[in-house]
Each structure stands twice: as C-alpha cells, then as structure tokens.
N, C-alpha and C. Protein backbone atom coordinates (compact mmCIF):
# COMPACT_ATOMS: atom_id res chain seq x y z
N MET A 1 0.84 -1.18 0.00
CA MET A 1 0.00 0.00 0.00
C MET A 1 0.88 1.24 0.00
N ALA A 2 0.74 2.08 -1.00
CA ALA A 2 1.55 3.29 -1.11
C ALA A 2 1.11 4.32 -0.07
N GLN A 3 2.08 5.03 0.44
CA GLN A 3 1.78 6.13 1.35
C GLN A 3 1.35 7.33 0.54
N THR A 4 0.43 8.10 1.08
CA THR A 4 -0.02 9.32 0.41
C THR A 4 0.56 10.50 1.16
N ILE A 5 1.31 11.34 0.45
CA ILE A 5 2.01 12.45 1.07
C ILE A 5 1.50 13.77 0.49
N LEU A 6 1.12 14.67 1.37
CA LEU A 6 0.71 16.02 0.99
C LEU A 6 1.94 16.90 1.03
N LEU A 7 2.16 17.65 -0.03
CA LEU A 7 3.26 18.61 -0.08
C LEU A 7 2.68 20.01 -0.15
N LEU A 8 3.11 20.88 0.75
CA LEU A 8 2.73 22.30 0.70
C LEU A 8 4.01 23.10 0.53
N GLU A 9 4.19 23.66 -0.65
CA GLU A 9 5.40 24.41 -0.99
C GLU A 9 5.05 25.44 -2.04
N ASP A 10 5.38 26.71 -1.80
CA ASP A 10 5.01 27.76 -2.74
C ASP A 10 6.05 28.02 -3.83
N GLU A 11 7.23 27.44 -3.70
CA GLU A 11 8.25 27.59 -4.73
C GLU A 11 8.12 26.43 -5.73
N PRO A 12 7.75 26.72 -6.98
CA PRO A 12 7.47 25.65 -7.95
C PRO A 12 8.60 24.64 -8.14
N LEU A 13 9.85 25.10 -8.19
CA LEU A 13 10.95 24.16 -8.42
C LEU A 13 11.18 23.25 -7.23
N ILE A 14 11.05 23.79 -6.03
CA ILE A 14 11.19 22.97 -4.82
C ILE A 14 10.05 21.96 -4.75
N LEU A 15 8.83 22.42 -5.05
CA LEU A 15 7.68 21.53 -5.05
C LEU A 15 7.88 20.39 -6.04
N MET A 16 8.37 20.71 -7.22
CA MET A 16 8.61 19.69 -8.24
C MET A 16 9.67 18.68 -7.77
N ASP A 17 10.75 19.18 -7.18
CA ASP A 17 11.79 18.28 -6.67
C ASP A 17 11.24 17.35 -5.59
N LEU A 18 10.46 17.91 -4.67
CA LEU A 18 9.86 17.09 -3.61
C LEU A 18 8.90 16.06 -4.19
N GLU A 19 8.14 16.49 -5.18
CA GLU A 19 7.19 15.58 -5.82
C GLU A 19 7.91 14.40 -6.47
N PHE A 20 8.97 14.69 -7.21
CA PHE A 20 9.74 13.61 -7.85
C PHE A 20 10.36 12.68 -6.81
N ALA A 21 10.91 13.25 -5.73
CA ALA A 21 11.52 12.42 -4.68
C ALA A 21 10.48 11.53 -4.02
N ALA A 22 9.30 12.06 -3.78
CA ALA A 22 8.22 11.27 -3.17
C ALA A 22 7.76 10.15 -4.10
N GLN A 23 7.65 10.46 -5.38
CA GLN A 23 7.27 9.43 -6.35
C GLN A 23 8.34 8.35 -6.43
N ASP A 24 9.60 8.77 -6.42
CA ASP A 24 10.70 7.80 -6.45
C ASP A 24 10.68 6.89 -5.22
N ALA A 25 10.17 7.41 -4.10
CA ALA A 25 10.07 6.62 -2.86
C ALA A 25 8.81 5.77 -2.83
N GLY A 26 8.02 5.82 -3.91
CA GLY A 26 6.83 4.99 -4.00
C GLY A 26 5.58 5.59 -3.40
N CYS A 27 5.60 6.88 -3.15
CA CYS A 27 4.44 7.56 -2.54
C CYS A 27 3.47 8.06 -3.60
N ASP A 28 2.20 8.12 -3.20
CA ASP A 28 1.21 8.86 -3.96
C ASP A 28 1.33 10.30 -3.48
N VAL A 29 1.41 11.24 -4.41
CA VAL A 29 1.74 12.62 -4.06
C VAL A 29 0.55 13.55 -4.30
N VAL A 30 0.33 14.45 -3.33
CA VAL A 30 -0.70 15.47 -3.43
C VAL A 30 0.03 16.82 -3.29
N PRO A 31 0.42 17.43 -4.43
CA PRO A 31 1.14 18.69 -4.36
C PRO A 31 0.18 19.88 -4.21
N THR A 32 0.53 20.81 -3.32
CA THR A 32 -0.26 22.04 -3.15
C THR A 32 0.71 23.21 -2.99
N ALA A 33 0.22 24.41 -3.33
CA ALA A 33 1.09 25.59 -3.28
C ALA A 33 0.54 26.70 -2.39
N SER A 34 -0.61 26.48 -1.76
CA SER A 34 -1.19 27.52 -0.90
C SER A 34 -1.95 26.88 0.26
N VAL A 35 -2.18 27.68 1.29
CA VAL A 35 -2.92 27.19 2.45
C VAL A 35 -4.34 26.77 2.07
N PRO A 36 -5.10 27.60 1.32
CA PRO A 36 -6.46 27.16 0.96
C PRO A 36 -6.47 25.85 0.16
N GLU A 37 -5.54 25.71 -0.76
CA GLU A 37 -5.46 24.48 -1.56
C GLU A 37 -5.12 23.28 -0.67
N ALA A 38 -4.17 23.45 0.24
CA ALA A 38 -3.77 22.36 1.13
C ALA A 38 -4.91 21.98 2.07
N LEU A 39 -5.59 22.97 2.64
CA LEU A 39 -6.72 22.68 3.54
C LEU A 39 -7.83 21.95 2.80
N ALA A 40 -8.08 22.32 1.56
CA ALA A 40 -9.11 21.63 0.77
C ALA A 40 -8.71 20.17 0.54
N LYS A 41 -7.45 19.92 0.24
CA LYS A 41 -6.99 18.54 0.02
C LYS A 41 -7.03 17.73 1.32
N VAL A 42 -6.65 18.35 2.44
CA VAL A 42 -6.72 17.66 3.72
C VAL A 42 -8.17 17.28 4.02
N SER A 43 -9.09 18.20 3.78
CA SER A 43 -10.51 17.95 4.03
C SER A 43 -11.03 16.84 3.12
N GLU A 44 -10.59 16.85 1.88
CA GLU A 44 -11.04 15.87 0.89
C GLU A 44 -10.49 14.47 1.18
N LEU A 45 -9.21 14.41 1.56
CA LEU A 45 -8.53 13.11 1.67
C LEU A 45 -8.49 12.55 3.09
N LYS A 46 -8.51 13.40 4.07
CA LYS A 46 -8.45 13.05 5.50
C LYS A 46 -7.66 11.79 5.79
N SER A 47 -8.35 10.71 6.09
CA SER A 47 -7.67 9.50 6.56
C SER A 47 -6.84 8.81 5.48
N ASP A 48 -6.98 9.22 4.24
CA ASP A 48 -6.13 8.65 3.19
C ASP A 48 -4.72 9.24 3.20
N LEU A 49 -4.55 10.39 3.86
CA LEU A 49 -3.23 11.01 3.95
C LEU A 49 -2.39 10.27 4.98
N THR A 50 -1.16 9.98 4.61
CA THR A 50 -0.24 9.30 5.51
C THR A 50 0.62 10.30 6.26
N VAL A 51 1.10 11.33 5.55
CA VAL A 51 2.03 12.29 6.11
C VAL A 51 2.04 13.53 5.23
N ALA A 52 2.57 14.63 5.75
CA ALA A 52 2.67 15.88 4.98
C ALA A 52 4.03 16.53 5.19
N VAL A 53 4.46 17.26 4.17
CA VAL A 53 5.64 18.10 4.24
C VAL A 53 5.15 19.53 4.04
N LEU A 54 5.41 20.40 5.03
CA LEU A 54 4.90 21.76 4.97
C LEU A 54 6.04 22.77 4.95
N ASP A 55 6.06 23.60 3.93
CA ASP A 55 6.94 24.75 3.92
C ASP A 55 6.35 25.74 4.92
N VAL A 56 7.16 26.29 5.81
CA VAL A 56 6.64 27.16 6.86
C VAL A 56 6.21 28.50 6.31
N SER A 57 7.10 29.17 5.59
CA SER A 57 6.80 30.51 5.06
C SER A 57 6.34 30.41 3.62
N LEU A 58 5.14 30.88 3.39
CA LEU A 58 4.57 30.86 2.06
C LEU A 58 4.46 32.28 1.54
N GLY A 59 4.12 32.46 0.30
CA GLY A 59 4.06 33.78 -0.31
C GLY A 59 3.08 34.73 0.36
N GLU A 60 3.34 36.00 0.20
CA GLU A 60 2.47 37.08 0.66
C GLU A 60 2.21 37.02 2.16
N GLY A 61 3.23 36.65 2.93
CA GLY A 61 3.13 36.65 4.38
C GLY A 61 2.36 35.49 4.99
N ALA A 62 1.93 34.54 4.18
CA ALA A 62 1.18 33.39 4.70
C ALA A 62 2.16 32.38 5.32
N SER A 63 1.63 31.54 6.20
CA SER A 63 2.42 30.47 6.77
C SER A 63 1.59 29.18 6.77
N CYS A 64 2.26 28.09 7.01
CA CYS A 64 1.62 26.77 6.99
C CYS A 64 0.83 26.48 8.26
N PHE A 65 0.82 27.35 9.24
CA PHE A 65 0.27 27.02 10.54
C PHE A 65 -1.20 26.58 10.53
N PRO A 66 -2.08 27.18 9.72
CA PRO A 66 -3.46 26.65 9.68
C PRO A 66 -3.52 25.19 9.22
N VAL A 67 -2.68 24.83 8.28
CA VAL A 67 -2.64 23.46 7.78
C VAL A 67 -2.05 22.54 8.85
N ALA A 68 -0.97 22.99 9.50
CA ALA A 68 -0.35 22.19 10.56
C ALA A 68 -1.34 21.92 11.68
N GLU A 69 -2.08 22.92 12.07
CA GLU A 69 -3.06 22.76 13.15
C GLU A 69 -4.16 21.77 12.76
N GLU A 70 -4.60 21.82 11.51
CA GLU A 70 -5.63 20.88 11.06
C GLU A 70 -5.08 19.46 11.00
N LEU A 71 -3.85 19.30 10.54
CA LEU A 71 -3.24 17.97 10.51
C LEU A 71 -3.09 17.42 11.93
N GLU A 72 -2.66 18.26 12.87
CA GLU A 72 -2.55 17.81 14.26
C GLU A 72 -3.92 17.39 14.79
N ARG A 73 -4.94 18.17 14.48
CA ARG A 73 -6.29 17.86 14.95
C ARG A 73 -6.74 16.49 14.43
N LEU A 74 -6.36 16.17 13.19
CA LEU A 74 -6.76 14.91 12.57
C LEU A 74 -5.80 13.75 12.90
N GLY A 75 -4.69 14.06 13.56
CA GLY A 75 -3.73 13.01 13.89
C GLY A 75 -2.87 12.57 12.73
N ILE A 76 -2.70 13.44 11.74
CA ILE A 76 -1.87 13.13 10.57
C ILE A 76 -0.49 13.73 10.80
N PRO A 77 0.56 12.90 10.78
CA PRO A 77 1.90 13.43 11.02
C PRO A 77 2.37 14.33 9.88
N PHE A 78 3.26 15.25 10.23
CA PHE A 78 3.82 16.14 9.23
C PHE A 78 5.20 16.58 9.68
N ILE A 79 5.99 17.03 8.72
CA ILE A 79 7.27 17.66 9.03
C ILE A 79 7.24 19.06 8.47
N LEU A 80 8.09 19.90 9.04
CA LEU A 80 8.23 21.28 8.58
C LEU A 80 9.51 21.40 7.79
N HIS A 81 9.45 22.12 6.69
CA HIS A 81 10.59 22.32 5.80
C HIS A 81 10.72 23.82 5.63
N SER A 82 11.77 24.40 6.22
CA SER A 82 11.84 25.86 6.23
C SER A 82 13.26 26.38 6.16
N GLY A 83 13.39 27.50 5.51
CA GLY A 83 14.64 28.24 5.50
C GLY A 83 14.51 29.53 6.28
N ASP A 84 13.40 29.71 6.96
CA ASP A 84 13.08 30.96 7.65
C ASP A 84 12.73 30.67 9.11
N LEU A 85 13.65 30.02 9.81
CA LEU A 85 13.35 29.55 11.15
C LEU A 85 13.30 30.67 12.18
N ASP A 86 14.12 31.68 12.03
CA ASP A 86 14.17 32.74 13.03
C ASP A 86 12.83 33.46 13.17
N ARG A 87 12.18 33.71 12.08
CA ARG A 87 10.94 34.48 12.12
C ARG A 87 9.79 33.71 12.76
N HIS A 88 9.81 32.39 12.68
CA HIS A 88 8.69 31.58 13.18
C HIS A 88 9.08 30.67 14.34
N ASP A 89 10.23 30.91 14.96
CA ASP A 89 10.76 29.99 15.95
C ASP A 89 9.76 29.63 17.05
N GLU A 90 9.10 30.60 17.63
CA GLU A 90 8.17 30.33 18.74
C GLU A 90 7.01 29.43 18.31
N LYS A 91 6.41 29.73 17.16
CA LYS A 91 5.29 28.91 16.68
C LYS A 91 5.74 27.51 16.30
N ILE A 92 6.92 27.41 15.70
CA ILE A 92 7.45 26.11 15.29
C ILE A 92 7.63 25.20 16.49
N ARG A 93 8.14 25.74 17.59
CA ARG A 93 8.39 24.93 18.78
C ARG A 93 7.09 24.40 19.39
N LYS A 94 5.97 25.06 19.14
CA LYS A 94 4.69 24.62 19.69
C LYS A 94 4.10 23.44 18.91
N LEU A 95 4.56 23.22 17.71
CA LEU A 95 4.04 22.13 16.87
C LEU A 95 4.80 20.84 17.16
N SER A 96 4.09 19.74 17.11
CA SER A 96 4.74 18.45 17.34
C SER A 96 5.19 17.87 16.00
N ALA A 97 6.24 18.47 15.46
CA ALA A 97 6.71 18.06 14.14
C ALA A 97 8.22 18.17 14.06
N LYS A 98 8.81 17.29 13.27
CA LYS A 98 10.24 17.41 12.99
C LYS A 98 10.45 18.57 12.04
N LEU A 99 11.65 19.12 12.10
CA LEU A 99 12.00 20.25 11.25
C LEU A 99 13.19 19.86 10.39
N VAL A 100 13.07 20.09 9.09
CA VAL A 100 14.18 19.91 8.17
C VAL A 100 14.47 21.30 7.59
N ALA A 101 15.65 21.82 7.95
CA ALA A 101 16.00 23.18 7.51
C ALA A 101 16.39 23.18 6.04
N LYS A 102 15.96 24.23 5.35
CA LYS A 102 16.40 24.44 3.96
C LYS A 102 17.76 25.09 4.02
N PRO A 103 18.64 24.81 3.09
CA PRO A 103 18.47 23.85 2.00
C PRO A 103 18.72 22.42 2.49
N ALA A 104 17.95 21.52 1.97
CA ALA A 104 18.12 20.08 2.23
C ALA A 104 17.73 19.36 0.95
N SER A 105 18.33 18.21 0.73
CA SER A 105 17.98 17.46 -0.48
C SER A 105 16.53 17.00 -0.38
N SER A 106 15.88 16.95 -1.50
CA SER A 106 14.49 16.48 -1.54
C SER A 106 14.38 15.06 -1.02
N ASP A 107 15.36 14.23 -1.33
CA ASP A 107 15.35 12.85 -0.84
C ASP A 107 15.37 12.82 0.69
N LYS A 108 16.19 13.68 1.31
CA LYS A 108 16.26 13.72 2.78
C LYS A 108 14.92 14.17 3.36
N VAL A 109 14.30 15.17 2.74
CA VAL A 109 13.02 15.67 3.23
C VAL A 109 11.97 14.56 3.19
N ILE A 110 11.88 13.87 2.07
CA ILE A 110 10.89 12.80 1.92
C ILE A 110 11.19 11.64 2.85
N GLU A 111 12.46 11.26 2.98
CA GLU A 111 12.83 10.18 3.91
C GLU A 111 12.43 10.54 5.34
N THR A 112 12.63 11.79 5.73
CA THR A 112 12.27 12.23 7.08
C THR A 112 10.75 12.17 7.27
N ALA A 113 10.01 12.57 6.24
CA ALA A 113 8.55 12.52 6.32
C ALA A 113 8.06 11.08 6.46
N ILE A 114 8.59 10.19 5.64
CA ILE A 114 8.18 8.78 5.69
C ILE A 114 8.52 8.19 7.06
N ALA A 115 9.70 8.51 7.58
CA ALA A 115 10.09 8.02 8.90
C ALA A 115 9.14 8.54 9.97
N SER A 116 8.69 9.78 9.85
CA SER A 116 7.75 10.35 10.81
C SER A 116 6.44 9.58 10.79
N ALA A 117 5.99 9.21 9.60
CA ALA A 117 4.74 8.45 9.48
C ALA A 117 4.91 7.06 10.06
N GLN A 118 6.06 6.46 9.89
CA GLN A 118 6.30 5.11 10.38
C GLN A 118 6.48 5.07 11.89
N ASN A 119 6.72 6.22 12.51
CA ASN A 119 6.89 6.28 13.96
C ASN A 119 5.57 6.34 14.70
N LEU A 120 4.45 6.32 13.96
CA LEU A 120 3.15 6.27 14.62
C LEU A 120 3.02 4.95 15.36
N ARG A 121 2.27 4.96 16.42
CA ARG A 121 2.06 3.74 17.18
C ARG A 121 1.27 2.72 16.35
N PRO A 122 1.66 1.46 16.41
CA PRO A 122 0.87 0.42 15.76
C PRO A 122 -0.54 0.40 16.35
N GLY A 123 -1.51 0.15 15.51
CA GLY A 123 -2.87 0.03 15.99
C GLY A 123 -3.64 1.32 16.02
N ASP A 124 -3.05 2.41 15.57
CA ASP A 124 -3.81 3.67 15.58
C ASP A 124 -4.69 3.82 14.33
N GLY A 125 -4.64 2.83 13.46
CA GLY A 125 -5.52 2.84 12.30
C GLY A 125 -4.95 3.54 11.09
N ARG A 126 -3.79 4.16 11.20
CA ARG A 126 -3.26 4.93 10.08
C ARG A 126 -2.14 4.18 9.36
N MET A 127 -1.37 3.41 10.07
CA MET A 127 -0.25 2.72 9.44
C MET A 127 -0.28 1.25 9.87
N PRO A 128 0.15 0.35 9.02
CA PRO A 128 0.21 -1.05 9.41
C PRO A 128 1.25 -1.27 10.50
N ALA A 129 1.00 -2.24 11.35
CA ALA A 129 1.94 -2.55 12.45
C ALA A 129 3.19 -3.21 11.91
C-alpha cells in the first residue's frame, strides 16, 4: 500500500523536486502551493493522507500554521521544511513536528517525512503494524 504524502510548498521548483523524490520513494503525491489548496486537500482526503511536508513561510506573508493545526487535529503526522526559522521559531516549537532546515535534499526531506509516518504507534488505524 503506497503512502499518500501532501506537499505544501510555494516555490514551484522545490515543489517539483519534492514531488519527484516522493514518487521515487513509491508515494502517492498530493502537491499544493497555498494554504487554501492544502486545507481543501486535507478535508477531501483526510484518513487517506499518511504524512505531509509543509513549507513554513509561504508567499504574501502566509504560513503553513493553519494546515499544521488541522493535521494535528486529525492526527496526521507532518514535518516542517523551512529556510526561515528565526521568524517563526516560537510557533514552530509549539508544533509536534520534525523540522528539516532548507536547504536540504528532496530525498532527505521525503525520507524524514516517511520516517515520521512510520513512527506512529501500531494500531492507531493509520499505518500497518
């Protein structure tokens, strides 16, 4: 069973690299570039999502925090991928997510996301034991 990974990244080239790395890792990929688009996909897919990779700082002053909060509410693991840690440090520390600082290889980002999903407790209904 392939894992389904949501990607939230506003930079098209980074999003494309992450998408290719996730596909190479055997994941079904749901690429998004904005908070409204990501929230719509989370709402649509809910329990079908295995894990998410969220860029913290998005265009026009937006951040991934509404998406992160919804994923936490649903119990879907996610990692944060950011090159702008200083500006969001306090909010980032409040989230229960691993952080992969930019720049990082797309393969490393996807491997970290998959590992986060696999660290869920067996029997929670989201991942096989």
